[in-house]
Amino acid sequence: MTTRRKRHRKQVFWVIDRIMADGKERTAENIREKFEQYRSDRGGKRTNVPTTMQIRCLIKTEKKYEKIEKGGMILWKMKTSYIE
């Protein structure tokens, strides 16, 4: 049985993985903007969009994302190959 927290995390990462699949570097704010624009399964805009702080905390704990610091900004990028 999955808990509510695990289910929400899975739903959020499904969208974030799709957004970050192109391999570009993005800030948490850019990821949030793309998340809002990403169409839901029903065709409308997404609801329950996580905040930038939640996105930072979620991505920081995932092994398949790497943190890049450029000019005082923190950028996130999906690794092309990773080992689980």
N, C-alpha and C. Protein backbone atom coordinates (compact mmCIF):
# COMPACT_ATOMS: atom_id res chain seq x y z
N MET A 1 0.84 -1.17 0.00
CA MET A 1 0.00 0.00 0.00
C MET A 1 0.89 1.24 0.00
N THR A 2 0.58 2.18 -0.89
CA THR A 2 1.37 3.40 -0.94
C THR A 2 0.72 4.49 -0.10
N THR A 3 1.54 5.28 0.49
CA THR A 3 1.04 6.38 1.30
C THR A 3 0.73 7.58 0.41
N ARG A 4 0.06 8.54 0.98
CA ARG A 4 -0.31 9.73 0.23
C ARG A 4 0.94 10.49 -0.23
N ARG A 5 1.94 10.54 0.63
CA ARG A 5 3.18 11.25 0.30
C ARG A 5 3.90 10.59 -0.88
N LYS A 6 4.01 9.27 -0.86
CA LYS A 6 4.67 8.56 -1.96
C LYS A 6 3.91 8.71 -3.26
N ARG A 7 2.59 8.68 -3.19
CA ARG A 7 1.77 8.82 -4.39
C ARG A 7 1.95 10.21 -4.99
N HIS A 8 1.95 11.26 -4.14
CA HIS A 8 2.14 12.62 -4.63
C HIS A 8 3.53 12.79 -5.24
N ARG A 9 4.54 12.22 -4.59
CA ARG A 9 5.91 12.31 -5.10
C ARG A 9 6.02 11.65 -6.47
N LYS A 10 5.36 10.53 -6.65
CA LYS A 10 5.37 9.82 -7.92
C LYS A 10 4.70 10.65 -9.01
N GLN A 11 3.58 11.30 -8.68
CA GLN A 11 2.87 12.13 -9.65
C GLN A 11 3.71 13.35 -10.04
N VAL A 12 4.37 13.95 -9.07
CA VAL A 12 5.19 15.13 -9.35
C VAL A 12 6.38 14.76 -10.22
N PHE A 13 7.06 13.67 -9.90
CA PHE A 13 8.25 13.29 -10.66
C PHE A 13 7.92 12.81 -12.05
N TRP A 14 6.74 12.32 -12.27
CA TRP A 14 6.35 11.92 -13.62
C TRP A 14 6.40 13.14 -14.53
N VAL A 15 5.90 14.26 -14.07
CA VAL A 15 5.90 15.49 -14.87
C VAL A 15 7.30 16.09 -14.94
N ILE A 16 8.01 16.15 -13.82
CA ILE A 16 9.36 16.72 -13.81
C ILE A 16 10.29 15.93 -14.71
N ASP A 17 10.18 14.61 -14.71
CA ASP A 17 11.02 13.78 -15.58
C ASP A 17 10.75 14.09 -17.05
N ARG A 18 9.50 14.30 -17.40
CA ARG A 18 9.16 14.64 -18.78
C ARG A 18 9.73 16.02 -19.16
N ILE A 19 9.64 16.96 -18.24
CA ILE A 19 10.14 18.31 -18.51
C ILE A 19 11.66 18.31 -18.66
N MET A 20 12.35 17.57 -17.81
CA MET A 20 13.81 17.59 -17.79
C MET A 20 14.44 16.57 -18.74
N ALA A 21 13.66 15.82 -19.47
CA ALA A 21 14.19 14.77 -20.34
C ALA A 21 15.05 15.31 -21.48
N ASP A 22 14.90 16.58 -21.83
CA ASP A 22 15.68 17.13 -22.93
C ASP A 22 17.13 17.40 -22.56
N GLY A 23 17.47 17.33 -21.26
CA GLY A 23 18.85 17.48 -20.82
C GLY A 23 19.32 18.90 -20.62
N LYS A 24 18.42 19.87 -20.68
CA LYS A 24 18.79 21.27 -20.47
C LYS A 24 18.90 21.58 -18.99
N GLU A 25 19.71 22.61 -18.69
CA GLU A 25 19.86 23.06 -17.31
C GLU A 25 18.75 24.06 -17.00
N ARG A 26 18.08 23.87 -15.86
CA ARG A 26 16.98 24.76 -15.48
C ARG A 26 17.04 25.07 -13.99
N THR A 27 16.54 26.25 -13.64
CA THR A 27 16.39 26.59 -12.22
C THR A 27 15.07 25.99 -11.74
N ALA A 28 14.88 25.98 -10.44
CA ALA A 28 13.64 25.45 -9.88
C ALA A 28 12.45 26.31 -10.32
N GLU A 29 12.66 27.61 -10.48
CA GLU A 29 11.59 28.50 -10.94
C GLU A 29 11.17 28.16 -12.37
N ASN A 30 12.16 27.87 -13.23
CA ASN A 30 11.83 27.49 -14.60
C ASN A 30 11.09 26.16 -14.66
N ILE A 31 11.49 25.23 -13.81
CA ILE A 31 10.80 23.94 -13.75
C ILE A 31 9.36 24.13 -13.33
N ARG A 32 9.14 25.01 -12.35
CA ARG A 32 7.78 25.27 -11.86
C ARG A 32 6.92 25.89 -12.96
N GLU A 33 7.48 26.84 -13.73
CA GLU A 33 6.73 27.45 -14.83
C GLU A 33 6.34 26.42 -15.88
N LYS A 34 7.29 25.56 -16.23
CA LYS A 34 6.99 24.49 -17.20
C LYS A 34 5.95 23.52 -16.64
N PHE A 35 6.03 23.26 -15.34
CA PHE A 35 5.08 22.36 -14.68
C PHE A 35 3.66 22.92 -14.80
N GLU A 36 3.51 24.24 -14.60
CA GLU A 36 2.19 24.86 -14.71
C GLU A 36 1.65 24.76 -16.12
N GLN A 37 2.52 24.90 -17.11
CA GLN A 37 2.08 24.89 -18.51
C GLN A 37 1.85 23.47 -19.04
N TYR A 38 2.42 22.48 -18.38
CA TYR A 38 2.30 21.09 -18.84
C TYR A 38 0.86 20.63 -18.74
N ARG A 39 0.33 20.13 -19.79
CA ARG A 39 -1.08 19.71 -19.83
C ARG A 39 -1.32 18.48 -18.98
N SER A 40 -2.46 18.45 -18.32
CA SER A 40 -2.81 17.28 -17.52
C SER A 40 -3.40 16.20 -18.42
N ASP A 41 -3.72 15.08 -17.83
CA ASP A 41 -4.30 13.96 -18.58
C ASP A 41 -5.66 14.33 -19.16
N ARG A 42 -6.33 15.24 -18.50
CA ARG A 42 -7.68 15.63 -18.95
C ARG A 42 -7.65 16.77 -19.97
N GLY A 43 -6.45 17.26 -20.30
CA GLY A 43 -6.34 18.27 -21.33
C GLY A 43 -6.19 19.70 -20.82
N GLY A 44 -6.49 19.94 -19.56
CA GLY A 44 -6.37 21.29 -19.00
C GLY A 44 -5.02 21.49 -18.36
N LYS A 45 -4.87 22.65 -17.73
CA LYS A 45 -3.62 22.91 -17.03
C LYS A 45 -3.57 22.12 -15.73
N ARG A 46 -2.38 21.90 -15.23
CA ARG A 46 -2.19 21.13 -14.01
C ARG A 46 -2.62 21.90 -12.79
N THR A 47 -3.16 21.19 -11.81
CA THR A 47 -3.47 21.77 -10.52
C THR A 47 -2.52 21.19 -9.50
N ASN A 48 -2.50 21.70 -8.31
CA ASN A 48 -1.61 21.25 -7.25
C ASN A 48 -0.14 21.29 -7.68
N VAL A 49 0.26 22.41 -8.24
CA VAL A 49 1.63 22.60 -8.68
C VAL A 49 2.50 22.83 -7.45
N PRO A 50 3.60 22.09 -7.31
CA PRO A 50 4.47 22.28 -6.14
C PRO A 50 5.18 23.63 -6.19
N THR A 51 5.54 24.14 -5.03
CA THR A 51 6.28 25.40 -4.96
C THR A 51 7.72 25.16 -5.38
N THR A 52 8.46 26.25 -5.59
CA THR A 52 9.86 26.10 -5.99
C THR A 52 10.68 25.45 -4.88
N MET A 53 10.36 25.73 -3.63
CA MET A 53 11.08 25.11 -2.51
C MET A 53 10.82 23.60 -2.48
N GLN A 54 9.58 23.19 -2.74
CA GLN A 54 9.28 21.75 -2.77
C GLN A 54 10.02 21.08 -3.93
N ILE A 55 10.08 21.74 -5.07
CA ILE A 55 10.79 21.18 -6.22
C ILE A 55 12.27 21.02 -5.89
N ARG A 56 12.86 22.04 -5.27
CA ARG A 56 14.28 21.95 -4.88
C ARG A 56 14.52 20.77 -3.95
N CYS A 57 13.66 20.62 -2.95
CA CYS A 57 13.83 19.54 -1.98
C CYS A 57 13.66 18.17 -2.63
N LEU A 58 12.71 18.05 -3.53
CA LEU A 58 12.48 16.77 -4.20
C LEU A 58 13.63 16.41 -5.12
N ILE A 59 14.07 17.36 -5.92
CA ILE A 59 15.14 17.09 -6.89
C ILE A 59 16.47 16.82 -6.18
N LYS A 60 16.69 17.50 -5.06
CA LYS A 60 17.95 17.34 -4.32
C LYS A 60 18.13 15.90 -3.84
N THR A 61 17.05 15.20 -3.56
CA THR A 61 17.13 13.84 -3.04
C THR A 61 17.16 12.77 -4.14
N GLU A 62 16.92 13.16 -5.38
CA GLU A 62 16.94 12.19 -6.48
C GLU A 62 18.35 12.02 -7.03
N LYS A 63 18.73 10.80 -7.30
CA LYS A 63 20.07 10.50 -7.81
C LYS A 63 20.23 10.85 -9.28
N LYS A 64 19.14 10.91 -10.01
CA LYS A 64 19.27 11.13 -11.45
C LYS A 64 19.34 12.59 -11.85
N TYR A 65 19.39 13.50 -10.88
CA TYR A 65 19.55 14.92 -11.16
C TYR A 65 20.85 15.42 -10.55
N GLU A 66 21.52 16.30 -11.27
CA GLU A 66 22.74 16.88 -10.75
C GLU A 66 22.59 18.39 -10.57
N LYS A 67 23.27 18.90 -9.57
CA LYS A 67 23.21 20.32 -9.21
C LYS A 67 24.40 21.03 -9.83
N ILE A 68 24.13 22.16 -10.51
CA ILE A 68 25.17 22.94 -11.15
C ILE A 68 25.04 24.38 -10.66
N GLU A 69 26.15 24.94 -10.20
CA GLU A 69 26.14 26.32 -9.74
C GLU A 69 26.85 27.19 -10.76
N LYS A 70 26.13 28.19 -11.30
CA LYS A 70 26.69 29.12 -12.28
C LYS A 70 26.28 30.53 -11.91
N GLY A 71 27.24 31.37 -11.70
CA GLY A 71 26.97 32.78 -11.45
C GLY A 71 26.03 33.04 -10.29
N GLY A 72 26.14 32.27 -9.23
CA GLY A 72 25.28 32.46 -8.07
C GLY A 72 23.90 31.83 -8.21
N MET A 73 23.63 31.19 -9.33
CA MET A 73 22.34 30.52 -9.55
C MET A 73 22.55 29.01 -9.43
N ILE A 74 21.54 28.33 -8.93
CA ILE A 74 21.59 26.88 -8.83
C ILE A 74 20.73 26.30 -9.94
N LEU A 75 21.36 25.55 -10.82
CA LEU A 75 20.67 24.93 -11.95
C LEU A 75 20.61 23.43 -11.72
N TRP A 76 19.58 22.81 -12.26
CA TRP A 76 19.41 21.36 -12.16
C TRP A 76 19.41 20.76 -13.55
N LYS A 77 19.99 19.59 -13.68
CA LYS A 77 20.06 18.90 -14.96
C LYS A 77 19.88 17.41 -14.73
N MET A 78 19.14 16.77 -15.61
CA MET A 78 18.98 15.33 -15.53
C MET A 78 20.23 14.65 -16.08
N LYS A 79 20.77 13.72 -15.33
CA LYS A 79 21.95 12.99 -15.79
C LYS A 79 21.55 12.10 -16.95
N THR A 80 22.46 11.95 -17.90
CA THR A 80 22.16 11.11 -19.05
C THR A 80 22.25 9.63 -18.69
N SER A 81 23.19 9.29 -17.83
CA SER A 81 23.28 7.90 -17.36
C SER A 81 23.54 7.92 -15.87
N TYR A 82 22.82 7.07 -15.16
CA TYR A 82 23.00 6.98 -13.72
C TYR A 82 22.78 5.54 -13.27
N ILE A 83 23.30 5.22 -12.12
CA ILE A 83 23.18 3.87 -11.57
C ILE A 83 22.31 3.93 -10.32
N GLU A 84 21.29 3.10 -10.28
CA GLU A 84 20.39 3.09 -9.11
C GLU A 84 20.90 2.16 -8.05
